[in-house]
Amino acid sequence: MNGPVMIGPEGDFTLEEVDYAKKKGYTTLDLGKNRLRTETAAVFVVSVLTVNCSCNY
């Protein structure tokens, strides 16, 4: 997986924003009911992507 990651605001993305991102080729990922700070969410996403792909950083 290679490309940008969008992390939404605390209140989440609007449905219109999600639809727009999907049309632009983004894949959605739900972190469940957890509410993470932006900084924490970024670290979490990078960790998940690193563990779940064969990326060599």
PDB file of N, CA and C in Angstrom:
ATOM      1  N   MET A   1       0.853  -1.165   0.000  1.00  0.00           N
ATOM      2  CA  MET A   1       0.000   0.000   0.000  1.00  0.00           C
ATOM      3  C   MET A   1       0.899   1.227   0.000  1.00  0.00           C
ATOM      4  N   ASN A   2       0.580   2.133  -0.875  1.00  0.00           N
ATOM      5  CA  ASN A   2       1.370   3.346  -0.982  1.00  0.00           C
ATOM      6  C   ASN A   2       0.440   4.501  -1.300  1.00  0.00           C
ATOM      7  N   GLY A   3       0.526   5.555  -0.562  1.00  0.00           N
ATOM      8  CA  GLY A   3      -0.301   6.708  -0.844  1.00  0.00           C
ATOM      9  C   GLY A   3      -0.653   7.466   0.404  1.00  0.00           C
ATOM     10  N   PRO A   4      -1.376   8.546   0.228  1.00  0.00           N
ATOM     11  CA  PRO A   4      -1.743   9.387   1.370  1.00  0.00           C
ATOM     12  C   PRO A   4      -2.819   8.753   2.245  1.00  0.00           C
ATOM     13  N   VAL A   5      -2.857   9.182   3.476  1.00  0.00           N
ATOM     14  CA  VAL A   5      -3.871   8.754   4.441  1.00  0.00           C
ATOM     15  C   VAL A   5      -4.564  10.012   4.949  1.00  0.00           C
ATOM     16  N   MET A   6      -5.878   9.988   4.975  1.00  0.00           N
ATOM     17  CA  MET A   6      -6.636  11.118   5.539  1.00  0.00           C
ATOM     18  C   MET A   6      -7.176  10.709   6.899  1.00  0.00           C
ATOM     19  N   ILE A   7      -6.911  11.533   7.881  1.00  0.00           N
ATOM     20  CA  ILE A   7      -7.407  11.289   9.235  1.00  0.00           C
ATOM     21  C   ILE A   7      -8.397  12.400   9.541  1.00  0.00           C
ATOM     22  N   GLY A   8      -9.605  12.000   9.884  1.00  0.00           N
ATOM     23  CA  GLY A   8     -10.683  12.960  10.052  1.00  0.00           C
ATOM     24  C   GLY A   8     -10.671  13.685  11.377  1.00  0.00           C
ATOM     25  N   PRO A   9     -11.513  14.683  11.469  1.00  0.00           N
ATOM     26  CA  PRO A   9     -11.656  15.422  12.712  1.00  0.00           C
ATOM     27  C   PRO A   9     -12.351  14.567  13.775  1.00  0.00           C
ATOM     28  N   GLU A  10     -12.345  15.030  14.994  1.00  0.00           N
ATOM     29  CA  GLU A  10     -12.936  14.264  16.096  1.00  0.00           C
ATOM     30  C   GLU A  10     -14.395  13.918  15.829  1.00  0.00           C
ATOM     31  N   GLY A  11     -15.118  14.790  15.179  1.00  0.00           N
ATOM     32  CA  GLY A  11     -16.521  14.532  14.875  1.00  0.00           C
ATOM     33  C   GLY A  11     -16.734  13.649  13.660  1.00  0.00           C
ATOM     34  N   ASP A  12     -15.663  13.201  13.043  1.00  0.00           N
ATOM     35  CA  ASP A  12     -15.681  12.314  11.877  1.00  0.00           C
ATOM     36  C   ASP A  12     -15.904  13.119  10.600  1.00  0.00           C
ATOM     37  N   PHE A  13     -15.678  12.472   9.488  1.00  0.00           N
ATOM     38  CA  PHE A  13     -15.950  13.074   8.191  1.00  0.00           C
ATOM     39  C   PHE A  13     -17.456  13.090   7.960  1.00  0.00           C
ATOM     40  N   THR A  14     -17.924  14.042   7.180  1.00  0.00           N
ATOM     41  CA  THR A  14     -19.332  14.033   6.785  1.00  0.00           C
ATOM     42  C   THR A  14     -19.529  12.964   5.726  1.00  0.00           C
ATOM     43  N   LEU A  15     -20.758  12.549   5.492  1.00  0.00           N
ATOM     44  CA  LEU A  15     -21.028  11.562   4.451  1.00  0.00           C
ATOM     45  C   LEU A  15     -20.597  12.078   3.088  1.00  0.00           C
ATOM     46  N   GLU A  16     -20.751  13.366   2.854  1.00  0.00           N
ATOM     47  CA  GLU A  16     -20.337  13.951   1.581  1.00  0.00           C
ATOM     48  C   GLU A  16     -18.821  13.865   1.405  1.00  0.00           C
ATOM     49  N   GLU A  17     -18.089  14.108   2.473  1.00  0.00           N
ATOM     50  CA  GLU A  17     -16.625  14.010   2.416  1.00  0.00           C
ATOM     51  C   GLU A  17     -16.180  12.579   2.157  1.00  0.00           C
ATOM     52  N   VAL A  18     -16.844  11.622   2.788  1.00  0.00           N
ATOM     53  CA  VAL A  18     -16.513  10.209   2.578  1.00  0.00           C
ATOM     54  C   VAL A  18     -16.803   9.815   1.133  1.00  0.00           C
ATOM     55  N   ASP A  19     -17.953  10.198   0.619  1.00  0.00           N
ATOM     56  CA  ASP A  19     -18.302   9.885  -0.768  1.00  0.00           C
ATOM     57  C   ASP A  19     -17.293  10.484  -1.737  1.00  0.00           C
ATOM     58  N   TYR A  20     -16.891  11.722  -1.496  1.00  0.00           N
ATOM     59  CA  TYR A  20     -15.920  12.391  -2.356  1.00  0.00           C
ATOM     60  C   TYR A  20     -14.575  11.650  -2.337  1.00  0.00           C
ATOM     61  N   ALA A  21     -14.128  11.276  -1.144  1.00  0.00           N
ATOM     62  CA  ALA A  21     -12.855  10.555  -1.019  1.00  0.00           C
ATOM     63  C   ALA A  21     -12.912   9.210  -1.741  1.00  0.00           C
ATOM     64  N   LYS A  22     -14.015   8.497  -1.618  1.00  0.00           N
ATOM     65  CA  LYS A  22     -14.168   7.215  -2.310  1.00  0.00           C
ATOM     66  C   LYS A  22     -14.110   7.402  -3.819  1.00  0.00           C
ATOM     67  N   LYS A  23     -14.755   8.453  -4.314  1.00  0.00           N
ATOM     68  CA  LYS A  23     -14.727   8.730  -5.756  1.00  0.00           C
ATOM     69  C   LYS A  23     -13.315   9.045  -6.235  1.00  0.00           C
ATOM     70  N   LYS A  24     -12.488   9.565  -5.343  1.00  0.00           N
ATOM     71  CA  LYS A  24     -11.101   9.888  -5.679  1.00  0.00           C
ATOM     72  C   LYS A  24     -10.158   8.708  -5.473  1.00  0.00           C
ATOM     73  N   GLY A  25     -10.712   7.547  -5.091  1.00  0.00           N
ATOM     74  CA  GLY A  25      -9.906   6.334  -4.979  1.00  0.00           C
ATOM     75  C   GLY A  25      -9.452   5.957  -3.587  1.00  0.00           C
ATOM     76  N   TYR A  26      -9.895   6.689  -2.580  1.00  0.00           N
ATOM     77  CA  TYR A  26      -9.525   6.339  -1.212  1.00  0.00           C
ATOM     78  C   TYR A  26     -10.314   5.122  -0.745  1.00  0.00           C
ATOM     79  N   THR A  27      -9.729   4.367   0.152  1.00  0.00           N
ATOM     80  CA  THR A  27     -10.386   3.249   0.801  1.00  0.00           C
ATOM     81  C   THR A  27     -10.666   3.664   2.238  1.00  0.00           C
ATOM     82  N   THR A  28     -11.847   3.321   2.738  1.00  0.00           N
ATOM     83  CA  THR A  28     -12.186   3.721   4.103  1.00  0.00           C
ATOM     84  C   THR A  28     -11.712   2.691   5.115  1.00  0.00           C
ATOM     85  N   LEU A  29     -11.443   3.169   6.298  1.00  0.00           N
ATOM     86  CA  LEU A  29     -11.032   2.322   7.411  1.00  0.00           C
ATOM     87  C   LEU A  29     -11.699   2.872   8.654  1.00  0.00           C
ATOM     88  N   ASP A  30     -12.397   2.025   9.368  1.00  0.00           N
ATOM     89  CA  ASP A  30     -13.089   2.425  10.588  1.00  0.00           C
ATOM     90  C   ASP A  30     -12.281   1.930  11.776  1.00  0.00           C
ATOM     91  N   LEU A  31     -11.953   2.820  12.681  1.00  0.00           N
ATOM     92  CA  LEU A  31     -11.203   2.431  13.875  1.00  0.00           C
ATOM     93  C   LEU A  31     -12.117   1.996  15.012  1.00  0.00           C
ATOM     94  N   GLY A  32     -13.391   1.795  14.717  1.00  0.00           N
ATOM     95  CA  GLY A  32     -14.338   1.362  15.727  1.00  0.00           C
ATOM     96  C   GLY A  32     -14.857   2.529  16.540  1.00  0.00           C
ATOM     97  N   LYS A  33     -15.220   2.264  17.762  1.00  0.00           N
ATOM     98  CA  LYS A  33     -15.800   3.304  18.616  1.00  0.00           C
ATOM     99  C   LYS A  33     -14.739   4.149  19.301  1.00  0.00           C
ATOM    100  N   ASN A  34     -13.489   3.812  19.072  1.00  0.00           N
ATOM    101  CA  ASN A  34     -12.408   4.576  19.690  1.00  0.00           C
ATOM    102  C   ASN A  34     -12.385   6.002  19.152  1.00  0.00           C
ATOM    103  N   ARG A  35     -12.158   6.941  20.026  1.00  0.00           N
ATOM    104  CA  ARG A  35     -11.960   8.340  19.633  1.00  0.00           C
ATOM    105  C   ARG A  35     -10.508   8.666  19.943  1.00  0.00           C
ATOM    106  N   LEU A  36      -9.732   8.844  18.923  1.00  0.00           N
ATOM    107  CA  LEU A  36      -8.318   9.125  19.106  1.00  0.00           C
ATOM    108  C   LEU A  36      -8.012  10.568  18.724  1.00  0.00           C
ATOM    109  N   ARG A  37      -7.040  11.144  19.387  1.00  0.00           N
ATOM    110  CA  ARG A  37      -6.553  12.455  18.975  1.00  0.00           C
ATOM    111  C   ARG A  37      -5.900  12.297  17.609  1.00  0.00           C
ATOM    112  N   THR A  38      -5.834  13.376  16.867  1.00  0.00           N
ATOM    113  CA  THR A  38      -5.254  13.320  15.524  1.00  0.00           C
ATOM    114  C   THR A  38      -3.849  12.742  15.557  1.00  0.00           C
ATOM    115  N   GLU A  39      -3.043  13.191  16.494  1.00  0.00           N
ATOM    116  CA  GLU A  39      -1.665  12.715  16.590  1.00  0.00           C
ATOM    117  C   GLU A  39      -1.609  11.219  16.884  1.00  0.00           C
ATOM    118  N   THR A  40      -2.471  10.759  17.768  1.00  0.00           N
ATOM    119  CA  THR A  40      -2.512   9.343  18.125  1.00  0.00           C
ATOM    120  C   THR A  40      -3.038   8.507  16.973  1.00  0.00           C
ATOM    121  N   ALA A  41      -4.043   9.001  16.280  1.00  0.00           N
ATOM    122  CA  ALA A  41      -4.611   8.270  15.138  1.00  0.00           C
ATOM    123  C   ALA A  41      -3.564   8.082  14.053  1.00  0.00           C
ATOM    124  N   ALA A  42      -2.747   9.092  13.812  1.00  0.00           N
ATOM    125  CA  ALA A  42      -1.705   8.984  12.782  1.00  0.00           C
ATOM    126  C   ALA A  42      -0.709   7.883  13.126  1.00  0.00           C
ATOM    127  N   VAL A  43      -0.259   7.842  14.371  1.00  0.00           N
ATOM    128  CA  VAL A  43       0.679   6.809  14.805  1.00  0.00           C
ATOM    129  C   VAL A  43       0.025   5.437  14.729  1.00  0.00           C
ATOM    130  N   PHE A  44      -1.225   5.337  15.132  1.00  0.00           N
ATOM    131  CA  PHE A  44      -1.955   4.072  15.087  1.00  0.00           C
ATOM    132  C   PHE A  44      -2.068   3.550  13.656  1.00  0.00           C
ATOM    133  N   VAL A  45      -2.443   4.419  12.725  1.00  0.00           N
ATOM    134  CA  VAL A  45      -2.614   4.003  11.327  1.00  0.00           C
ATOM    135  C   VAL A  45      -1.293   3.533  10.741  1.00  0.00           C
ATOM    136  N   VAL A  46      -0.224   4.265  10.986  1.00  0.00           N
ATOM    137  CA  VAL A  46       1.089   3.843  10.474  1.00  0.00           C
ATOM    138  C   VAL A  46       1.477   2.489  11.066  1.00  0.00           C
ATOM    139  N   SER A  47       1.206   2.283  12.344  1.00  0.00           N
ATOM    140  CA  SER A  47       1.519   0.996  12.985  1.00  0.00           C
ATOM    141  C   SER A  47       0.736  -0.146  12.351  1.00  0.00           C
ATOM    142  N   VAL A  48      -0.561   0.056  12.135  1.00  0.00           N
ATOM    143  CA  VAL A  48      -1.405  -0.982  11.539  1.00  0.00           C
ATOM    144  C   VAL A  48      -0.938  -1.289  10.115  1.00  0.00           C
ATOM    145  N   LEU A  49      -0.652  -0.264   9.344  1.00  0.00           N
ATOM    146  CA  LEU A  49      -0.201  -0.486   7.969  1.00  0.00           C
ATOM    147  C   LEU A  49       1.138  -1.208   7.928  1.00  0.00           C
ATOM    148  N   THR A  50       2.024  -0.870   8.831  1.00  0.00           N
ATOM    149  CA  THR A  50       3.331  -1.511   8.871  1.00  0.00           C
ATOM    150  C   THR A  50       3.218  -2.993   9.229  1.00  0.00           C
ATOM    151  N   VAL A  51       2.365  -3.300  10.186  1.00  0.00           N
ATOM    152  CA  VAL A  51       2.191  -4.685  10.618  1.00  0.00           C
ATOM    153  C   VAL A  51       1.468  -5.519   9.558  1.00  0.00           C
ATOM    154  N   ASN A  52       0.516  -4.909   8.851  1.00  0.00           N
ATOM    155  CA  ASN A  52      -0.326  -5.667   7.938  1.00  0.00           C
ATOM    156  C   ASN A  52       0.095  -5.637   6.471  1.00  0.00           C
ATOM    157  N   CYS A  53       1.246  -5.117   6.191  1.00  0.00           N
ATOM    158  CA  CYS A  53       1.720  -5.165   4.803  1.00  0.00           C
ATOM    159  C   CYS A  53       3.184  -5.545   4.803  1.00  0.00           C
ATOM    160  N   SER A  54       3.662  -5.884   3.660  1.00  0.00           N
ATOM    161  CA  SER A  54       5.059  -6.275   3.560  1.00  0.00           C
ATOM    162  C   SER A  54       5.897  -5.068   3.134  1.00  0.00           C
ATOM    163  N   CYS A  55       5.708  -3.965   3.837  1.00  0.00           N
ATOM    164  CA  CYS A  55       6.430  -2.734   3.525  1.00  0.00           C
ATOM    165  C   CYS A  55       7.820  -2.791   4.152  1.00  0.00           C
ATOM    166  N   ASN A  56       8.771  -2.322   3.420  1.00  0.00           N
ATOM    167  CA  ASN A  56      10.138  -2.232   3.950  1.00  0.00           C
ATOM    168  C   ASN A  56      10.505  -0.767   4.076  1.00  0.00           C
ATOM    169  N   TYR A  57      10.424  -0.271   5.298  1.00  0.00           N
ATOM    170  CA  TYR A  57      10.760   1.138   5.527  1.00  0.00           C
ATOM    171  C   TYR A  57      12.179   1.266   6.011  1.00  0.00           C
TER     172      TYR A  57
END
